[in-house]
Amino acid sequence: MTRTKAKAAETPPPTFEQTLVELERIVESLERGDLSLQDSLNAFERGVGLTRAARQALDSAEQRVRILTDSRVDGEPRPFDPDSGNSS
């Protein structure tokens, strides 16, 4: 494995809060309008990726809350699978 790939594998993904901070910075830079077209497109593309990651984190959190607050008497506890966003 190359050094860059090894380092990327060791770096944990950003937290939800870190994602929001980066998204805010991107929006501010796009709103200022001082980026070139290519830089604007790159920033927009990064923002779309961050938005998708944030949405996935929110969906996962919502699913966990649903599992924890399931009020069915006959409901069986199921382990949470964060990769699928569903309980197993």
N, C-alpha and C. Protein backbone atom coordinates (compact mmCIF):
# COMPACT_ATOMS: atom_id res chain seq x y z
N MET A 1 0.84 -1.17 0.00
CA MET A 1 0.00 0.00 0.00
C MET A 1 0.89 1.24 0.00
N THR A 2 0.53 2.24 -0.77
CA THR A 2 1.34 3.45 -0.82
C THR A 2 1.14 4.26 0.45
N ARG A 3 2.06 5.17 0.67
CA ARG A 3 2.01 5.98 1.88
C ARG A 3 0.73 6.81 1.95
N THR A 4 0.29 7.39 0.84
CA THR A 4 -0.92 8.19 0.81
C THR A 4 -2.14 7.35 1.13
N LYS A 5 -2.23 6.17 0.54
CA LYS A 5 -3.37 5.28 0.82
C LYS A 5 -3.37 4.82 2.26
N ALA A 6 -2.20 4.54 2.80
CA ALA A 6 -2.10 4.10 4.20
C ALA A 6 -2.57 5.21 5.13
N LYS A 7 -2.16 6.44 4.86
CA LYS A 7 -2.56 7.55 5.70
C LYS A 7 -4.06 7.79 5.60
N ALA A 8 -4.62 7.70 4.40
CA ALA A 8 -6.06 7.89 4.20
C ALA A 8 -6.84 6.82 4.94
N ALA A 9 -6.32 5.60 4.98
CA ALA A 9 -7.00 4.52 5.67
C ALA A 9 -6.99 4.73 7.18
N GLU A 10 -5.96 5.41 7.70
CA GLU A 10 -5.85 5.65 9.13
C GLU A 10 -6.68 6.85 9.59
N THR A 11 -6.97 7.78 8.70
CA THR A 11 -7.69 8.98 9.06
C THR A 11 -9.18 8.68 9.19
N PRO A 12 -9.75 8.92 10.38
CA PRO A 12 -11.18 8.66 10.54
C PRO A 12 -11.99 9.70 9.75
N PRO A 13 -13.18 9.34 9.35
CA PRO A 13 -14.01 10.31 8.62
C PRO A 13 -14.36 11.48 9.54
N PRO A 14 -14.65 12.65 8.96
CA PRO A 14 -14.99 13.79 9.80
C PRO A 14 -16.29 13.54 10.56
N THR A 15 -16.40 14.17 11.73
CA THR A 15 -17.63 14.06 12.49
C THR A 15 -18.73 14.86 11.79
N PHE A 16 -19.95 14.66 12.22
CA PHE A 16 -21.08 15.41 11.67
C PHE A 16 -20.84 16.91 11.86
N GLU A 17 -20.37 17.28 13.02
CA GLU A 17 -20.14 18.70 13.32
C GLU A 17 -19.03 19.27 12.43
N GLN A 18 -17.97 18.51 12.21
CA GLN A 18 -16.89 18.96 11.33
C GLN A 18 -17.40 19.12 9.90
N THR A 19 -18.27 18.22 9.49
CA THR A 19 -18.87 18.30 8.15
C THR A 19 -19.67 19.58 8.00
N LEU A 20 -20.46 19.92 9.03
CA LEU A 20 -21.26 21.16 8.97
C LEU A 20 -20.38 22.40 8.90
N VAL A 21 -19.30 22.41 9.67
CA VAL A 21 -18.38 23.56 9.65
C VAL A 21 -17.78 23.73 8.26
N GLU A 22 -17.35 22.63 7.66
CA GLU A 22 -16.77 22.73 6.32
C GLU A 22 -17.82 23.18 5.30
N LEU A 23 -19.04 22.67 5.43
CA LEU A 23 -20.11 23.10 4.52
C LEU A 23 -20.37 24.60 4.65
N GLU A 24 -20.37 25.11 5.88
CA GLU A 24 -20.57 26.55 6.09
C GLU A 24 -19.47 27.36 5.42
N ARG A 25 -18.24 26.89 5.52
CA ARG A 25 -17.12 27.60 4.89
C ARG A 25 -17.27 27.60 3.37
N ILE A 26 -17.70 26.48 2.82
CA ILE A 26 -17.89 26.39 1.37
C ILE A 26 -18.98 27.35 0.92
N VAL A 27 -20.09 27.37 1.64
CA VAL A 27 -21.20 28.26 1.28
C VAL A 27 -20.74 29.71 1.33
N GLU A 28 -20.02 30.06 2.40
CA GLU A 28 -19.53 31.44 2.52
C GLU A 28 -18.62 31.82 1.35
N SER A 29 -17.73 30.90 0.97
CA SER A 29 -16.81 31.23 -0.13
C SER A 29 -17.57 31.34 -1.45
N LEU A 30 -18.57 30.51 -1.65
CA LEU A 30 -19.36 30.60 -2.88
C LEU A 30 -20.19 31.88 -2.89
N GLU A 31 -20.72 32.27 -1.74
CA GLU A 31 -21.53 33.49 -1.67
C GLU A 31 -20.70 34.75 -1.91
N ARG A 32 -19.43 34.73 -1.49
CA ARG A 32 -18.57 35.90 -1.73
C ARG A 32 -18.36 36.13 -3.23
N GLY A 33 -18.36 35.06 -3.99
CA GLY A 33 -18.23 35.18 -5.44
C GLY A 33 -16.83 35.50 -5.93
N ASP A 34 -15.82 35.27 -5.09
CA ASP A 34 -14.47 35.60 -5.52
C ASP A 34 -13.68 34.40 -6.03
N LEU A 35 -14.32 33.26 -6.20
CA LEU A 35 -13.66 32.06 -6.72
C LEU A 35 -13.78 32.02 -8.24
N SER A 36 -12.80 31.40 -8.86
CA SER A 36 -12.89 31.19 -10.30
C SER A 36 -14.00 30.17 -10.57
N LEU A 37 -14.36 30.05 -11.82
CA LEU A 37 -15.41 29.08 -12.17
C LEU A 37 -15.00 27.68 -11.77
N GLN A 38 -13.77 27.30 -12.07
CA GLN A 38 -13.31 25.95 -11.74
C GLN A 38 -13.28 25.74 -10.23
N ASP A 39 -12.80 26.72 -9.49
CA ASP A 39 -12.77 26.61 -8.03
C ASP A 39 -14.19 26.55 -7.46
N SER A 40 -15.11 27.29 -8.05
CA SER A 40 -16.49 27.26 -7.62
C SER A 40 -17.10 25.87 -7.85
N LEU A 41 -16.81 25.30 -9.01
CA LEU A 41 -17.32 23.96 -9.31
C LEU A 41 -16.73 22.93 -8.36
N ASN A 42 -15.44 23.05 -8.08
CA ASN A 42 -14.79 22.12 -7.14
C ASN A 42 -15.39 22.26 -5.75
N ALA A 43 -15.62 23.49 -5.30
CA ALA A 43 -16.22 23.73 -3.99
C ALA A 43 -17.64 23.18 -3.95
N PHE A 44 -18.39 23.41 -5.01
CA PHE A 44 -19.77 22.90 -5.08
C PHE A 44 -19.78 21.37 -5.02
N GLU A 45 -18.88 20.75 -5.77
CA GLU A 45 -18.79 19.29 -5.77
C GLU A 45 -18.46 18.76 -4.37
N ARG A 46 -17.52 19.40 -3.70
CA ARG A 46 -17.17 19.00 -2.33
C ARG A 46 -18.38 19.19 -1.42
N GLY A 47 -19.10 20.28 -1.59
CA GLY A 47 -20.29 20.54 -0.78
C GLY A 47 -21.37 19.49 -0.97
N VAL A 48 -21.55 19.04 -2.19
CA VAL A 48 -22.53 17.98 -2.47
C VAL A 48 -22.12 16.70 -1.74
N GLY A 49 -20.85 16.36 -1.80
CA GLY A 49 -20.38 15.17 -1.10
C GLY A 49 -20.57 15.28 0.41
N LEU A 50 -20.27 16.45 0.96
CA LEU A 50 -20.45 16.67 2.39
C LEU A 50 -21.93 16.62 2.78
N THR A 51 -22.77 17.16 1.92
CA THR A 51 -24.21 17.13 2.19
C THR A 51 -24.71 15.70 2.23
N ARG A 52 -24.25 14.89 1.30
CA ARG A 52 -24.66 13.48 1.29
C ARG A 52 -24.18 12.76 2.55
N ALA A 53 -22.95 13.03 2.96
CA ALA A 53 -22.41 12.41 4.18
C ALA A 53 -23.20 12.85 5.41
N ALA A 54 -23.55 14.12 5.47
CA ALA A 54 -24.34 14.63 6.60
C ALA A 54 -25.73 14.00 6.61
N ARG A 55 -26.34 13.88 5.44
CA ARG A 55 -27.67 13.27 5.35
C ARG A 55 -27.61 11.81 5.81
N GLN A 56 -26.58 11.10 5.42
CA GLN A 56 -26.42 9.70 5.83
C GLN A 56 -26.26 9.61 7.34
N ALA A 57 -25.48 10.52 7.93
CA ALA A 57 -25.30 10.53 9.38
C ALA A 57 -26.63 10.81 10.09
N LEU A 58 -27.41 11.74 9.56
CA LEU A 58 -28.71 12.04 10.16
C LEU A 58 -29.67 10.86 10.03
N ASP A 59 -29.67 10.22 8.88
CA ASP A 59 -30.54 9.05 8.68
C ASP A 59 -30.16 7.93 9.65
N SER A 60 -28.87 7.73 9.83
CA SER A 60 -28.39 6.71 10.75
C SER A 60 -28.80 7.03 12.19
N ALA A 61 -28.66 8.28 12.58
CA ALA A 61 -29.06 8.69 13.93
C ALA A 61 -30.57 8.52 14.13
N GLU A 62 -31.33 8.87 13.12
CA GLU A 62 -32.79 8.72 13.20
C GLU A 62 -33.17 7.25 13.37
N GLN A 63 -32.51 6.38 12.63
CA GLN A 63 -32.79 4.94 12.74
C GLN A 63 -32.45 4.43 14.13
N ARG A 64 -31.34 4.88 14.69
CA ARG A 64 -30.97 4.47 16.04
C ARG A 64 -32.01 4.92 17.05
N VAL A 65 -32.50 6.16 16.90
CA VAL A 65 -33.54 6.66 17.81
C VAL A 65 -34.80 5.82 17.68
N ARG A 66 -35.17 5.47 16.46
CA ARG A 66 -36.37 4.63 16.26
C ARG A 66 -36.21 3.28 16.95
N ILE A 67 -35.04 2.69 16.83
CA ILE A 67 -34.79 1.40 17.47
C ILE A 67 -34.89 1.55 18.99
N LEU A 68 -34.30 2.59 19.52
CA LEU A 68 -34.28 2.78 20.97
C LEU A 68 -35.64 3.14 21.55
N THR A 69 -36.49 3.75 20.75
CA THR A 69 -37.79 4.19 21.25
C THR A 69 -38.94 3.31 20.78
N ASP A 70 -38.63 2.15 20.21
CA ASP A 70 -39.67 1.23 19.76
C ASP A 70 -40.51 0.81 20.96
N SER A 71 -41.79 1.15 20.94
CA SER A 71 -42.66 0.89 22.09
C SER A 71 -43.47 -0.39 21.96
N ARG A 72 -43.19 -1.18 20.94
CA ARG A 72 -43.94 -2.44 20.82
C ARG A 72 -43.56 -3.37 21.97
N VAL A 73 -44.56 -3.91 22.60
CA VAL A 73 -44.33 -4.82 23.71
C VAL A 73 -43.64 -6.09 23.23
N ASP A 74 -44.03 -6.57 22.07
CA ASP A 74 -43.45 -7.80 21.55
C ASP A 74 -42.20 -7.56 20.72
N GLY A 75 -41.78 -6.32 20.64
CA GLY A 75 -40.60 -6.00 19.84
C GLY A 75 -39.34 -6.59 20.44
N GLU A 76 -38.57 -7.22 19.59
CA GLU A 76 -37.29 -7.82 20.01
C GLU A 76 -36.17 -6.83 19.73
N PRO A 77 -35.27 -6.63 20.68
CA PRO A 77 -34.13 -5.76 20.40
C PRO A 77 -33.28 -6.36 19.28
N ARG A 78 -32.83 -5.51 18.38
CA ARG A 78 -31.99 -5.96 17.28
C ARG A 78 -30.75 -5.08 17.25
N PRO A 79 -29.61 -5.68 16.94
CA PRO A 79 -28.40 -4.87 16.86
C PRO A 79 -28.47 -3.87 15.71
N PHE A 80 -27.89 -2.73 15.94
CA PHE A 80 -27.88 -1.68 14.94
C PHE A 80 -26.70 -1.87 14.00
N ASP A 81 -26.96 -1.80 12.70
CA ASP A 81 -25.91 -1.93 11.69
C ASP A 81 -25.73 -0.55 11.05
N PRO A 82 -24.72 0.23 11.47
CA PRO A 82 -24.56 1.58 10.94
C PRO A 82 -24.23 1.64 9.46
N ASP A 83 -23.71 0.54 8.90
CA ASP A 83 -23.37 0.56 7.47
C ASP A 83 -24.60 0.49 6.60
N SER A 84 -25.63 -0.19 7.05
CA SER A 84 -26.83 -0.29 6.23
C SER A 84 -27.88 0.74 6.63
N GLY A 85 -27.75 1.31 7.82
CA GLY A 85 -28.76 2.25 8.27
C GLY A 85 -29.99 1.56 8.78
N ASN A 86 -29.95 0.23 8.83
CA ASN A 86 -31.09 -0.56 9.30
C ASN A 86 -30.67 -1.43 10.44
N SER A 87 -31.63 -1.89 11.19
CA SER A 87 -31.31 -2.87 12.22
C SER A 87 -31.29 -4.25 11.58
N SER A 88 -30.51 -5.15 12.13
CA SER A 88 -30.39 -6.49 11.55
C SER A 88 -31.39 -7.42 12.15
